[in-house]
Structures are given as structure tokens and as C-alpha cells.
Amino acid sequence: MQDQQDIRDAILLSTLPHVAFDGWTHKALEAGTRDAGFEPELRLRVFPGGLREVAEHFSEYADRRMLAALDGLDLDEMKVRDRVAAGVRARLEALTPHREAVRYVLAYLALPTNGGTVLRLTFNTLNAIWYAAGDTATDFNYYTKRGLLAPVYMSTVLYWLSDTSEGYADTWDFLDRRIGDVLKIPMMQARVKNLLKDFPRPYKGTGRSFGRPLRSRG
């Protein structure tokens, strides 16, 4: 018997091809539920929050795929900035088969009513990337690192969506430049502190959520 996450994953992955034609809509979700081999009414039970909950699950699914990919890398031998770049790249590579659907879900999440959802999902992704990179900070550096990464991550996603280079080579070059420019600027800390005043505080047990921390290599 399939567990809830497997069912949600199956419906999500069957829905995404329809999103390219029908948008982030109930029509696409119903078609995807049928394609996954379920009665269409099941979508209402496994995604009681509707399209927003499907969008949340899409982000959570991509985070899981990203972390699985990072588990296969020798991050201990990388510098911190390279670990972070690997995290962003792994996240985008997890989304690559669904790039057209990503366009639609971003447009959906851009609606004013979804502002809080966007903040939370982005924070979860940034937190997962930083923890996989070995960060265990719970002081001001916790906010600074995630705040510095946020514009890098978001601008790289937008660049990737329009990238036509082979293997997205231009995107990876863009990512490398952005990380090089941003992560070495201490003077941005005060600005970041102000921007992140609404982010959730680090929660006890963060270290148990994403695996073991790595030693720092600078």
C-alpha cells in the first residue's frame, strides 16, 4: 500500500506535464490525478489545501531531490562557497525536467495572496542548502547567510528559466559569479538583518533535519 507521500509525489509528477498546457489549475491537477491511476476525487483528500498545497509539495519534493543529489557528492572536500553552489545547482537540476511547470507555479505563487507561502518555501530551501553545506549557526550569522543566498538563488532561478545554452552552462557560470560577488561582502550584514526580520527564528533540532554537519573549509 502506498503511503501518503508516495501518492502525493505520483499525483504531482503526473500533473506537471499538464501544467505546461493548462497552467497551474485544477484542470491540470485533475488530469494528473487520473494519469497517476487514481480517481480524481482523491486529489481533494491528499491536497486539501488545493493548488497552493500542490505548489508547496512541489517545492518540498524538489528539496528532497536536491538533498539526495548532494548526498552523492563529496562535500567534505569542497570549500563552503562550492558546497552552496552545488546545492543551488542540485535544486535546479531537480526541477529541470519540469521547467515549463516551474514557470507557471512561480506565476501562481507571485499572486499577492501567496506572499507568505513564497517566503516560507524559499526559506526552507535556503536553510536546507546551508545546512547541507555544513552551517549550524543559530546566531545572527544564521540570518545573514540565508539572506545573502536569497538573491543569488532567486536571480539564478530566473536566469535558468530563460537559459538556452547547452546543459545550462551559462546558468552555472552566472551562479558562480553571483556567489563569488555576494558571499564575500561582510558590509551587507546590516542590510540583510533588516530584510530578514520577518524570517522564522532558528529552531531547536535543525541539525537533525538535514543530516550531519560538515567541517568548514572556508
N, C-alpha and C. Protein backbone atom coordinates (compact mmCIF):
# COMPACT_ATOMS: atom_id res chain seq x y z
N MET A 1 0.84 -1.20 0.00
CA MET A 1 0.00 0.00 0.00
C MET A 1 0.88 1.25 0.00
N GLN A 2 0.58 2.18 -0.89
CA GLN A 2 1.36 3.40 -0.98
C GLN A 2 1.11 4.31 0.22
N ASP A 3 2.18 4.96 0.71
CA ASP A 3 1.95 5.91 1.78
C ASP A 3 1.56 7.26 1.18
N GLN A 4 1.19 8.17 2.06
CA GLN A 4 0.66 9.46 1.62
C GLN A 4 1.66 10.23 0.76
N GLN A 5 2.93 10.22 1.15
CA GLN A 5 3.92 10.97 0.38
C GLN A 5 4.09 10.39 -1.01
N ASP A 6 4.10 9.06 -1.13
CA ASP A 6 4.22 8.44 -2.44
C ASP A 6 3.05 8.81 -3.34
N ILE A 7 1.85 8.82 -2.77
CA ILE A 7 0.67 9.18 -3.55
C ILE A 7 0.75 10.64 -3.99
N ARG A 8 1.14 11.51 -3.08
CA ARG A 8 1.26 12.93 -3.42
C ARG A 8 2.33 13.15 -4.49
N ASP A 9 3.45 12.43 -4.36
CA ASP A 9 4.50 12.54 -5.37
C ASP A 9 4.00 12.08 -6.73
N ALA A 10 3.29 10.95 -6.75
CA ALA A 10 2.79 10.41 -8.01
C ALA A 10 1.82 11.37 -8.69
N ILE A 11 0.92 11.94 -7.92
CA ILE A 11 -0.04 12.89 -8.48
C ILE A 11 0.68 14.14 -8.97
N LEU A 12 1.62 14.65 -8.17
CA LEU A 12 2.39 15.82 -8.58
C LEU A 12 3.10 15.59 -9.90
N LEU A 13 3.85 14.49 -9.99
CA LEU A 13 4.65 14.24 -11.18
C LEU A 13 3.79 13.98 -12.41
N SER A 14 2.60 13.45 -12.22
CA SER A 14 1.69 13.25 -13.34
C SER A 14 0.97 14.54 -13.72
N THR A 15 0.89 15.46 -12.79
CA THR A 15 0.22 16.75 -13.05
C THR A 15 1.13 17.71 -13.81
N LEU A 16 2.42 17.70 -13.52
CA LEU A 16 3.33 18.70 -14.08
C LEU A 16 3.33 18.77 -15.61
N PRO A 17 3.26 17.65 -16.34
CA PRO A 17 3.19 17.78 -17.80
C PRO A 17 1.94 18.51 -18.27
N HIS A 18 0.85 18.37 -17.55
CA HIS A 18 -0.40 19.06 -17.92
C HIS A 18 -0.30 20.56 -17.63
N VAL A 19 0.51 20.93 -16.66
CA VAL A 19 0.64 22.34 -16.30
C VAL A 19 1.18 23.14 -17.48
N ALA A 20 2.05 22.53 -18.27
CA ALA A 20 2.62 23.23 -19.43
C ALA A 20 1.54 23.66 -20.42
N PHE A 21 0.40 22.98 -20.41
CA PHE A 21 -0.68 23.31 -21.35
C PHE A 21 -1.87 24.00 -20.67
N ASP A 22 -2.15 23.61 -19.44
CA ASP A 22 -3.34 24.10 -18.75
C ASP A 22 -3.04 25.10 -17.63
N GLY A 23 -1.75 25.35 -17.37
CA GLY A 23 -1.39 26.25 -16.30
C GLY A 23 -1.52 25.57 -14.94
N TRP A 24 -1.25 26.35 -13.88
CA TRP A 24 -1.35 25.82 -12.52
C TRP A 24 -2.82 25.88 -12.11
N THR A 25 -3.59 24.88 -12.58
CA THR A 25 -5.04 24.91 -12.48
C THR A 25 -5.57 23.59 -11.93
N HIS A 26 -6.83 23.64 -11.52
CA HIS A 26 -7.50 22.42 -11.06
C HIS A 26 -7.67 21.44 -12.22
N LYS A 27 -7.81 21.95 -13.43
CA LYS A 27 -7.92 21.07 -14.59
C LYS A 27 -6.66 20.22 -14.74
N ALA A 28 -5.49 20.85 -14.60
CA ALA A 28 -4.23 20.11 -14.70
C ALA A 28 -4.11 19.10 -13.57
N LEU A 29 -4.51 19.49 -12.36
CA LEU A 29 -4.41 18.60 -11.21
C LEU A 29 -5.34 17.40 -11.36
N GLU A 30 -6.54 17.63 -11.85
CA GLU A 30 -7.47 16.52 -12.05
C GLU A 30 -6.94 15.55 -13.10
N ALA A 31 -6.41 16.09 -14.20
CA ALA A 31 -5.85 15.23 -15.24
C ALA A 31 -4.66 14.45 -14.72
N GLY A 32 -3.82 15.09 -13.92
CA GLY A 32 -2.67 14.41 -13.35
C GLY A 32 -3.06 13.31 -12.39
N THR A 33 -4.11 13.53 -11.62
CA THR A 33 -4.59 12.50 -10.69
C THR A 33 -5.06 11.27 -11.46
N ARG A 34 -5.77 11.50 -12.55
CA ARG A 34 -6.21 10.38 -13.39
C ARG A 34 -5.01 9.65 -13.99
N ASP A 35 -4.05 10.41 -14.50
CA ASP A 35 -2.87 9.80 -15.12
C ASP A 35 -2.06 8.98 -14.12
N ALA A 36 -2.12 9.37 -12.85
CA ALA A 36 -1.39 8.64 -11.81
C ALA A 36 -2.12 7.35 -11.41
N GLY A 37 -3.31 7.15 -11.96
CA GLY A 37 -4.06 5.93 -11.71
C GLY A 37 -5.05 6.01 -10.57
N PHE A 38 -5.43 7.23 -10.20
CA PHE A 38 -6.36 7.42 -9.09
C PHE A 38 -7.64 8.08 -9.57
N GLU A 39 -8.69 7.91 -8.78
CA GLU A 39 -9.92 8.65 -9.04
C GLU A 39 -9.67 10.13 -8.78
N PRO A 40 -10.21 11.00 -9.62
CA PRO A 40 -9.90 12.44 -9.49
C PRO A 40 -10.26 13.03 -8.13
N GLU A 41 -11.25 12.43 -7.45
CA GLU A 41 -11.64 12.95 -6.14
C GLU A 41 -10.53 12.81 -5.09
N LEU A 42 -9.58 11.90 -5.35
CA LEU A 42 -8.51 11.69 -4.37
C LEU A 42 -7.67 12.95 -4.19
N ARG A 43 -7.58 13.76 -5.23
CA ARG A 43 -6.75 14.98 -5.13
C ARG A 43 -7.24 15.89 -4.00
N LEU A 44 -8.55 15.85 -3.74
CA LEU A 44 -9.12 16.71 -2.70
C LEU A 44 -8.75 16.21 -1.31
N ARG A 45 -8.48 14.92 -1.19
CA ARG A 45 -8.12 14.35 0.11
C ARG A 45 -6.62 14.48 0.39
N VAL A 46 -5.80 14.27 -0.63
CA VAL A 46 -4.36 14.32 -0.38
C VAL A 46 -3.80 15.74 -0.48
N PHE A 47 -4.54 16.63 -1.15
CA PHE A 47 -4.16 18.04 -1.21
C PHE A 47 -5.36 18.90 -0.79
N PRO A 48 -5.75 18.81 0.49
CA PRO A 48 -6.93 19.56 0.94
C PRO A 48 -6.76 21.07 0.81
N GLY A 49 -5.51 21.52 0.74
CA GLY A 49 -5.26 22.95 0.57
C GLY A 49 -5.30 23.41 -0.86
N GLY A 50 -5.65 22.51 -1.77
CA GLY A 50 -5.80 22.89 -3.17
C GLY A 50 -4.49 23.17 -3.87
N LEU A 51 -4.54 24.08 -4.83
CA LEU A 51 -3.38 24.36 -5.67
C LEU A 51 -2.20 24.89 -4.88
N ARG A 52 -2.47 25.64 -3.84
CA ARG A 52 -1.36 26.14 -3.01
C ARG A 52 -0.62 24.99 -2.35
N GLU A 53 -1.36 24.01 -1.87
CA GLU A 53 -0.71 22.87 -1.22
C GLU A 53 0.08 22.05 -2.24
N VAL A 54 -0.42 21.95 -3.46
CA VAL A 54 0.34 21.26 -4.51
C VAL A 54 1.64 22.00 -4.78
N ALA A 55 1.58 23.33 -4.83
CA ALA A 55 2.79 24.14 -5.04
C ALA A 55 3.78 23.92 -3.90
N GLU A 56 3.28 23.86 -2.68
CA GLU A 56 4.14 23.61 -1.53
C GLU A 56 4.80 22.24 -1.63
N HIS A 57 4.02 21.25 -2.07
CA HIS A 57 4.57 19.91 -2.19
C HIS A 57 5.61 19.85 -3.31
N PHE A 58 5.39 20.58 -4.38
CA PHE A 58 6.37 20.64 -5.47
C PHE A 58 7.70 21.16 -4.94
N SER A 59 7.67 22.21 -4.15
CA SER A 59 8.90 22.76 -3.58
C SER A 59 9.56 21.77 -2.63
N GLU A 60 8.75 21.13 -1.80
CA GLU A 60 9.29 20.15 -0.84
C GLU A 60 9.88 18.95 -1.58
N TYR A 61 9.22 18.53 -2.67
CA TYR A 61 9.74 17.43 -3.49
C TYR A 61 11.10 17.80 -4.07
N ALA A 62 11.21 19.02 -4.61
CA ALA A 62 12.48 19.46 -5.19
C ALA A 62 13.57 19.54 -4.13
N ASP A 63 13.22 19.96 -2.93
CA ASP A 63 14.20 19.99 -1.84
C ASP A 63 14.69 18.58 -1.51
N ARG A 64 13.79 17.63 -1.49
CA ARG A 64 14.20 16.24 -1.22
C ARG A 64 15.13 15.72 -2.30
N ARG A 65 14.80 16.00 -3.55
CA ARG A 65 15.65 15.56 -4.66
C ARG A 65 17.02 16.24 -4.59
N MET A 66 17.03 17.50 -4.23
CA MET A 66 18.28 18.24 -4.09
C MET A 66 19.17 17.60 -3.03
N LEU A 67 18.60 17.32 -1.86
CA LEU A 67 19.38 16.75 -0.77
C LEU A 67 19.87 15.35 -1.12
N ALA A 68 19.07 14.59 -1.85
CA ALA A 68 19.50 13.26 -2.27
C ALA A 68 20.70 13.36 -3.21
N ALA A 69 20.67 14.34 -4.11
CA ALA A 69 21.80 14.55 -5.03
C ALA A 69 23.05 14.98 -4.27
N LEU A 70 22.89 15.85 -3.29
CA LEU A 70 24.04 16.31 -2.51
C LEU A 70 24.65 15.19 -1.68
N ASP A 71 23.83 14.24 -1.26
CA ASP A 71 24.35 13.10 -0.51
C ASP A 71 25.34 12.28 -1.33
N GLY A 72 25.22 12.37 -2.65
CA GLY A 72 26.13 11.63 -3.53
C GLY A 72 27.42 12.35 -3.85
N LEU A 73 27.59 13.56 -3.32
CA LEU A 73 28.80 14.35 -3.58
C LEU A 73 29.73 14.32 -2.37
N ASP A 74 31.01 14.50 -2.62
CA ASP A 74 31.99 14.56 -1.53
C ASP A 74 32.11 16.01 -1.07
N LEU A 75 31.09 16.48 -0.36
CA LEU A 75 31.06 17.88 0.05
C LEU A 75 32.16 18.22 1.04
N ASP A 76 32.64 17.24 1.79
CA ASP A 76 33.70 17.49 2.78
C ASP A 76 34.95 18.08 2.13
N GLU A 77 35.18 17.73 0.87
CA GLU A 77 36.39 18.18 0.19
C GLU A 77 36.20 19.51 -0.52
N MET A 78 35.01 20.10 -0.45
CA MET A 78 34.73 21.36 -1.13
C MET A 78 34.83 22.53 -0.15
N LYS A 79 35.15 23.69 -0.70
CA LYS A 79 35.02 24.92 0.07
C LYS A 79 33.54 25.21 0.28
N VAL A 80 33.24 26.01 1.28
CA VAL A 80 31.84 26.30 1.61
C VAL A 80 31.11 26.91 0.42
N ARG A 81 31.72 27.87 -0.27
CA ARG A 81 31.03 28.50 -1.39
C ARG A 81 30.72 27.50 -2.49
N ASP A 82 31.60 26.48 -2.66
CA ASP A 82 31.35 25.46 -3.67
C ASP A 82 30.23 24.51 -3.24
N ARG A 83 30.14 24.27 -1.94
CA ARG A 83 29.03 23.45 -1.43
C ARG A 83 27.70 24.15 -1.67
N VAL A 84 27.68 25.46 -1.39
CA VAL A 84 26.45 26.23 -1.59
C VAL A 84 26.07 26.25 -3.06
N ALA A 85 27.05 26.47 -3.93
CA ALA A 85 26.78 26.46 -5.37
C ALA A 85 26.26 25.10 -5.81
N ALA A 86 26.82 24.03 -5.25
CA ALA A 86 26.36 22.69 -5.58
C ALA A 86 24.91 22.49 -5.15
N GLY A 87 24.54 23.10 -4.01
CA GLY A 87 23.16 22.99 -3.55
C GLY A 87 22.19 23.68 -4.48
N VAL A 88 22.52 24.90 -4.89
CA VAL A 88 21.64 25.63 -5.81
C VAL A 88 21.54 24.88 -7.14
N ARG A 89 22.67 24.40 -7.62
CA ARG A 89 22.65 23.66 -8.89
C ARG A 89 21.82 22.38 -8.77
N ALA A 90 21.98 21.65 -7.67
CA ALA A 90 21.22 20.42 -7.48
C ALA A 90 19.72 20.71 -7.44
N ARG A 91 19.35 21.83 -6.83
CA ARG A 91 17.93 22.20 -6.77
C ARG A 91 17.38 22.45 -8.17
N LEU A 92 18.13 23.18 -8.99
CA LEU A 92 17.67 23.47 -10.35
C LEU A 92 17.68 22.22 -11.22
N GLU A 93 18.66 21.36 -11.02
CA GLU A 93 18.69 20.12 -11.80
C GLU A 93 17.51 19.22 -11.44
N ALA A 94 17.06 19.28 -10.19
CA ALA A 94 15.87 18.53 -9.80
C ALA A 94 14.63 19.06 -10.51
N LEU A 95 14.63 20.36 -10.82
CA LEU A 95 13.49 20.99 -11.48
C LEU A 95 13.56 20.94 -12.99
N THR A 96 14.73 20.62 -13.55
CA THR A 96 14.93 20.71 -15.00
C THR A 96 13.90 19.94 -15.82
N PRO A 97 13.52 18.71 -15.43
CA PRO A 97 12.51 18.01 -16.24
C PRO A 97 11.15 18.70 -16.25
N HIS A 98 10.97 19.65 -15.34
CA HIS A 98 9.66 20.29 -15.18
C HIS A 98 9.76 21.81 -15.36
N ARG A 99 10.67 22.25 -16.20
CA ARG A 99 10.96 23.69 -16.27
C ARG A 99 9.74 24.50 -16.67
N GLU A 100 8.94 24.00 -17.62
CA GLU A 100 7.75 24.75 -18.03
C GLU A 100 6.76 24.87 -16.88
N ALA A 101 6.62 23.80 -16.11
CA ALA A 101 5.72 23.86 -14.96
C ALA A 101 6.23 24.84 -13.92
N VAL A 102 7.55 24.96 -13.79
CA VAL A 102 8.12 25.92 -12.84
C VAL A 102 7.69 27.33 -13.19
N ARG A 103 7.65 27.66 -14.48
CA ARG A 103 7.20 29.00 -14.90
C ARG A 103 5.80 29.28 -14.36
N TYR A 104 4.93 28.30 -14.51
CA TYR A 104 3.54 28.50 -14.10
C TYR A 104 3.38 28.55 -12.59
N VAL A 105 4.11 27.71 -11.89
CA VAL A 105 3.95 27.72 -10.43
C VAL A 105 4.53 29.01 -9.85
N LEU A 106 5.58 29.54 -10.46
CA LEU A 106 6.12 30.82 -9.98
C LEU A 106 5.12 31.95 -10.23
N ALA A 107 4.44 31.90 -11.37
CA ALA A 107 3.42 32.92 -11.65
C ALA A 107 2.28 32.80 -10.64
N TYR A 108 1.90 31.58 -10.31
CA TYR A 108 0.84 31.37 -9.32
C TYR A 108 1.27 31.87 -7.94
N LEU A 109 2.49 31.56 -7.55
CA LEU A 109 2.97 31.97 -6.24
C LEU A 109 3.22 33.47 -6.15
N ALA A 110 3.31 34.13 -7.31
CA ALA A 110 3.50 35.58 -7.32
C ALA A 110 2.23 36.34 -6.98
N LEU A 111 1.09 35.65 -6.92
CA LEU A 111 -0.15 36.31 -6.55
C LEU A 111 -0.04 36.86 -5.13
N PRO A 112 -0.61 38.03 -4.87
CA PRO A 112 -0.47 38.66 -3.55
C PRO A 112 -0.86 37.76 -2.38
N THR A 113 -1.85 36.91 -2.59
CA THR A 113 -2.31 36.05 -1.50
C THR A 113 -1.31 34.96 -1.13
N ASN A 114 -0.30 34.78 -1.96
CA ASN A 114 0.67 33.71 -1.72
C ASN A 114 2.01 34.21 -1.20
N GLY A 115 2.07 35.49 -0.81
CA GLY A 115 3.33 36.06 -0.37
C GLY A 115 3.97 35.32 0.79
N GLY A 116 3.18 34.96 1.78
CA GLY A 116 3.72 34.24 2.93
C GLY A 116 4.22 32.86 2.56
N THR A 117 3.53 32.23 1.62
CA THR A 117 3.95 30.91 1.16
C THR A 117 5.29 30.97 0.47
N VAL A 118 5.48 31.97 -0.38
CA VAL A 118 6.75 32.13 -1.09
C VAL A 118 7.90 32.32 -0.10
N LEU A 119 7.70 33.16 0.89
CA LEU A 119 8.73 33.41 1.90
C LEU A 119 9.10 32.12 2.62
N ARG A 120 8.10 31.37 3.02
CA ARG A 120 8.36 30.14 3.77
C ARG A 120 9.06 29.09 2.92
N LEU A 121 8.60 28.89 1.68
CA LEU A 121 9.20 27.88 0.82
C LEU A 121 10.63 28.24 0.46
N THR A 122 10.86 29.52 0.17
CA THR A 122 12.22 29.96 -0.15
C THR A 122 13.14 29.77 1.05
N PHE A 123 12.65 30.14 2.22
CA PHE A 123 13.45 29.97 3.44
C PHE A 123 13.79 28.51 3.66
N ASN A 124 12.83 27.62 3.48
CA ASN A 124 13.09 26.19 3.68
C ASN A 124 14.19 25.69 2.75
N THR A 125 14.14 26.13 1.49
CA THR A 125 15.16 25.72 0.52
C THR A 125 16.53 26.26 0.90
N LEU A 126 16.60 27.54 1.24
CA LEU A 126 17.88 28.14 1.62
C LEU A 126 18.44 27.49 2.87
N ASN A 127 17.57 27.19 3.81
CA ASN A 127 18.00 26.53 5.04
C ASN A 127 18.57 25.15 4.75
N ALA A 128 17.91 24.41 3.87
CA ALA A 128 18.39 23.07 3.51
C ALA A 128 19.74 23.15 2.82
N ILE A 129 19.91 24.12 1.93
CA ILE A 129 21.19 24.28 1.23
C ILE A 129 22.31 24.60 2.21
N TRP A 130 22.05 25.55 3.11
CA TRP A 130 23.10 25.95 4.04
C TRP A 130 23.43 24.83 5.02
N TYR A 131 22.43 24.12 5.48
CA TYR A 131 22.74 23.06 6.43
C TYR A 131 23.51 21.94 5.74
N ALA A 132 23.14 21.61 4.50
CA ALA A 132 23.89 20.61 3.75
C ALA A 132 25.33 21.06 3.53
N ALA A 133 25.53 22.39 3.47
CA ALA A 133 26.87 22.94 3.28
C ALA A 133 27.68 22.95 4.56
N GLY A 134 27.06 22.55 5.67
CA GLY A 134 27.79 22.44 6.93
C GLY A 134 27.50 23.53 7.93
N ASP A 135 26.55 24.41 7.65
CA ASP A 135 26.26 25.51 8.55
C ASP A 135 25.36 25.05 9.69
N THR A 136 25.77 25.35 10.91
CA THR A 136 24.95 25.03 12.08
C THR A 136 24.72 26.26 12.95
N ALA A 137 24.92 27.45 12.39
CA ALA A 137 24.78 28.69 13.15
C ALA A 137 23.35 28.87 13.65
N THR A 138 23.23 29.44 14.85
CA THR A 138 21.92 29.80 15.39
C THR A 138 21.90 31.25 15.86
N ASP A 139 22.97 32.00 15.56
CA ASP A 139 23.04 33.40 15.93
C ASP A 139 22.73 34.27 14.72
N PHE A 140 23.21 35.51 14.71
CA PHE A 140 22.91 36.41 13.60
C PHE A 140 23.42 35.87 12.27
N ASN A 141 24.52 35.11 12.30
CA ASN A 141 25.06 34.55 11.06
C ASN A 141 24.05 33.65 10.35
N TYR A 142 23.17 33.04 11.14
CA TYR A 142 22.11 32.20 10.56
C TYR A 142 21.30 33.01 9.56
N TYR A 143 20.88 34.20 9.96
CA TYR A 143 20.08 35.06 9.08
C TYR A 143 20.91 35.62 7.95
N THR A 144 22.14 36.03 8.28
CA THR A 144 22.99 36.66 7.27
C THR A 144 23.23 35.72 6.09
N LYS A 145 23.60 34.49 6.39
CA LYS A 145 23.93 33.55 5.33
C LYS A 145 22.73 33.26 4.44
N ARG A 146 21.58 33.09 5.03
CA ARG A 146 20.39 32.82 4.24
C ARG A 146 19.95 34.05 3.47
N GLY A 147 20.12 35.22 4.09
CA GLY A 147 19.77 36.46 3.40
C GLY A 147 20.67 36.75 2.23
N LEU A 148 21.96 36.47 2.36
CA LEU A 148 22.89 36.68 1.26
C LEU A 148 22.62 35.70 0.12
N LEU A 149 22.21 34.50 0.47
CA LEU A 149 21.95 33.49 -0.56
C LEU A 149 20.64 33.74 -1.29
N ALA A 150 19.67 34.35 -0.63
CA ALA A 150 18.34 34.52 -1.22
C ALA A 150 18.37 35.19 -2.59
N PRO A 151 19.00 36.38 -2.76
CA PRO A 151 19.01 36.99 -4.09
C PRO A 151 19.81 36.20 -5.10
N VAL A 152 20.86 35.50 -4.64
CA VAL A 152 21.62 34.64 -5.55
C VAL A 152 20.73 33.53 -6.08
N TYR A 153 20.04 32.87 -5.17
CA TYR A 153 19.17 31.76 -5.57
C TYR A 153 18.05 32.23 -6.50
N MET A 154 17.37 33.29 -6.12
CA MET A 154 16.22 33.74 -6.91
C MET A 154 16.63 34.26 -8.28
N SER A 155 17.73 35.01 -8.35
CA SER A 155 18.18 35.51 -9.64
C SER A 155 18.67 34.38 -10.53
N THR A 156 19.27 33.35 -9.93
CA THR A 156 19.73 32.20 -10.71
C THR A 156 18.56 31.41 -11.27
N VAL A 157 17.50 31.27 -10.49
CA VAL A 157 16.29 30.60 -10.99
C VAL A 157 15.75 31.34 -12.21
N LEU A 158 15.65 32.66 -12.13
CA LEU A 158 15.12 33.44 -13.25
C LEU A 158 16.04 33.35 -14.46
N TYR A 159 17.34 33.37 -14.24
CA TYR A 159 18.29 33.23 -15.35
C TYR A 159 18.13 31.86 -16.01
N TRP A 160 18.02 30.84 -15.19
CA TRP A 160 17.88 29.46 -15.68
C TRP A 160 16.62 29.29 -16.53
N LEU A 161 15.55 29.95 -16.15
CA LEU A 161 14.30 29.81 -16.88
C LEU A 161 14.40 30.32 -18.32
N SER A 162 15.32 31.23 -18.58
CA SER A 162 15.47 31.77 -19.93
C SER A 162 16.75 31.30 -20.62
N ASP A 163 17.49 30.42 -19.97
CA ASP A 163 18.78 29.96 -20.50
C ASP A 163 18.58 28.95 -21.62
N THR A 164 19.22 29.19 -22.76
CA THR A 164 19.14 28.26 -23.89
C THR A 164 20.50 27.63 -24.18
N SER A 165 21.48 27.85 -23.32
CA SER A 165 22.81 27.28 -23.56
C SER A 165 22.80 25.77 -23.30
N GLU A 166 23.74 25.08 -23.92
CA GLU A 166 23.80 23.62 -23.78
C GLU A 166 24.12 23.24 -22.34
N GLY A 167 23.29 22.37 -21.80
CA GLY A 167 23.50 21.92 -20.43
C GLY A 167 23.38 23.02 -19.40
N TYR A 168 22.76 24.13 -19.78
CA TYR A 168 22.60 25.29 -18.89
C TYR A 168 23.95 25.82 -18.40
N ALA A 169 24.95 25.73 -19.27
CA ALA A 169 26.30 26.17 -18.90
C ALA A 169 26.32 27.63 -18.49
N ASP A 170 25.54 28.46 -19.19
CA ASP A 170 25.52 29.89 -18.85
C ASP A 170 24.94 30.12 -17.45
N THR A 171 23.97 29.30 -17.08
CA THR A 171 23.39 29.42 -15.73
C THR A 171 24.42 29.11 -14.67
N TRP A 172 25.20 28.06 -14.87
CA TRP A 172 26.19 27.68 -13.85
C TRP A 172 27.29 28.73 -13.76
N ASP A 173 27.65 29.35 -14.89
CA ASP A 173 28.62 30.44 -14.85
C ASP A 173 28.05 31.64 -14.09
N PHE A 174 26.78 31.94 -14.36
CA PHE A 174 26.10 33.04 -13.68
C PHE A 174 26.06 32.79 -12.18
N LEU A 175 25.71 31.57 -11.80
CA LEU A 175 25.65 31.20 -10.38
C LEU A 175 27.01 31.37 -9.72
N ASP A 176 28.05 30.92 -10.37
CA ASP A 176 29.39 31.02 -9.80
C ASP A 176 29.80 32.47 -9.58
N ARG A 177 29.48 33.32 -10.55
CA ARG A 177 29.81 34.74 -10.41
C ARG A 177 29.03 35.38 -9.27
N ARG A 178 27.75 35.07 -9.19
CA ARG A 178 26.91 35.68 -8.17
C ARG A 178 27.35 35.27 -6.76
N ILE A 179 27.66 34.00 -6.58
CA ILE A 179 28.11 33.56 -5.27
C ILE A 179 29.45 34.21 -4.94
N GLY A 180 30.33 34.31 -5.92
CA GLY A 180 31.61 34.96 -5.70
C GLY A 180 31.47 36.41 -5.31
N ASP A 181 30.48 37.09 -5.91
CA ASP A 181 30.26 38.51 -5.62
C ASP A 181 29.63 38.74 -4.26
N VAL A 182 28.68 37.89 -3.90
CA VAL A 182 27.83 38.17 -2.75
C VAL A 182 28.36 37.60 -1.44
N LEU A 183 28.81 36.38 -1.43
CA LEU A 183 29.16 35.74 -0.17
C LEU A 183 30.42 36.30 0.47
N LYS A 184 31.13 37.18 -0.22
CA LYS A 184 32.36 37.73 0.34
C LYS A 184 32.20 39.19 0.80
N ILE A 185 30.98 39.67 0.92
CA ILE A 185 30.75 41.07 1.25
C ILE A 185 30.19 41.21 2.66
N PRO A 186 31.04 41.36 3.69
CA PRO A 186 30.54 41.48 5.07
C PRO A 186 29.68 42.71 5.29
N MET A 187 29.91 43.79 4.53
CA MET A 187 29.19 45.03 4.77
C MET A 187 27.69 44.90 4.52
N MET A 188 27.27 43.80 3.87
CA MET A 188 25.85 43.62 3.60
C MET A 188 25.10 43.10 4.82
N GLN A 189 25.79 42.78 5.89
CA GLN A 189 25.14 42.14 7.03
C GLN A 189 24.03 43.00 7.64
N ALA A 190 24.28 44.29 7.80
CA ALA A 190 23.26 45.15 8.40
C ALA A 190 22.02 45.21 7.53
N ARG A 191 22.21 45.29 6.21
CA ARG A 191 21.08 45.33 5.30
C ARG A 191 20.30 44.02 5.35
N VAL A 192 21.03 42.92 5.41
CA VAL A 192 20.39 41.61 5.47
C VAL A 192 19.60 41.45 6.76
N LYS A 193 20.16 41.94 7.87
CA LYS A 193 19.46 41.83 9.16
C LYS A 193 18.10 42.51 9.09
N ASN A 194 18.04 43.65 8.45
CA ASN A 194 16.77 44.36 8.31
C ASN A 194 15.80 43.61 7.41
N LEU A 195 16.32 43.05 6.32
CA LEU A 195 15.47 42.32 5.38
C LEU A 195 14.88 41.06 5.99
N LEU A 196 15.62 40.46 6.92
CA LEU A 196 15.22 39.15 7.45
C LEU A 196 14.51 39.21 8.79
N LYS A 197 14.06 40.38 9.17
CA LYS A 197 13.42 40.49 10.48
C LYS A 197 12.16 39.65 10.59
N ASP A 198 11.53 39.29 9.45
CA ASP A 198 10.30 38.51 9.49
C ASP A 198 10.53 37.02 9.28
N PHE A 199 11.78 36.61 9.03
CA PHE A 199 12.05 35.19 8.85
C PHE A 199 11.88 34.46 10.18
N PRO A 200 11.50 33.19 10.16
CA PRO A 200 11.40 32.43 11.41
C PRO A 200 12.75 32.29 12.07
N ARG A 201 12.73 32.18 13.39
CA ARG A 201 13.98 32.00 14.12
C ARG A 201 14.48 30.57 13.95
N PRO A 202 15.79 30.38 14.07
CA PRO A 202 16.31 29.01 14.02
C PRO A 202 15.61 28.16 15.07
N TYR A 203 15.25 26.98 14.72
CA TYR A 203 14.52 26.14 15.67
C TYR A 203 15.43 25.04 16.20
N LYS A 204 15.17 24.68 17.44
CA LYS A 204 15.97 23.64 18.07
C LYS A 204 15.80 22.34 17.31
N GLY A 205 16.92 21.68 17.04
CA GLY A 205 16.85 20.42 16.32
C GLY A 205 17.08 20.57 14.84
N THR A 206 17.45 21.77 14.36
CA THR A 206 17.71 21.95 12.94
C THR A 206 18.72 20.94 12.44
N GLY A 207 19.73 20.69 13.23
CA GLY A 207 20.79 19.78 12.81
C GLY A 207 20.30 18.38 12.55
N ARG A 208 19.20 18.00 13.15
CA ARG A 208 18.69 16.64 12.93
C ARG A 208 17.80 16.56 11.71
N SER A 209 17.50 17.68 11.09
CA SER A 209 16.55 17.68 9.99
C SER A 209 17.18 17.35 8.66
N PHE A 210 18.47 17.67 8.48
CA PHE A 210 19.07 17.54 7.17
C PHE A 210 20.33 16.67 7.17
N GLY A 211 20.60 15.96 8.25
CA GLY A 211 21.77 15.09 8.25
C GLY A 211 22.92 15.67 9.04
N ARG A 212 24.09 15.10 8.88
CA ARG A 212 25.23 15.53 9.69
C ARG A 212 25.84 16.80 9.13
N PRO A 213 26.36 17.68 10.02
CA PRO A 213 27.05 18.87 9.55
C PRO A 213 28.42 18.51 9.00
N LEU A 214 28.96 19.37 8.14
CA LEU A 214 30.27 19.16 7.55
C LEU A 214 31.28 20.07 8.23
N ARG A 215 32.53 19.70 8.16
CA ARG A 215 33.56 20.61 8.67
C ARG A 215 33.76 21.75 7.68
N SER A 216 34.10 22.89 8.20
CA SER A 216 34.27 24.07 7.35
C SER A 216 35.63 24.08 6.68
N ARG A 217 35.64 24.46 5.39
CA ARG A 217 36.90 24.63 4.65
C ARG A 217 37.03 26.06 4.14
N GLY A 218 36.15 26.97 4.61
CA GLY A 218 36.26 28.37 4.21
C GLY A 218 35.61 28.67 2.90
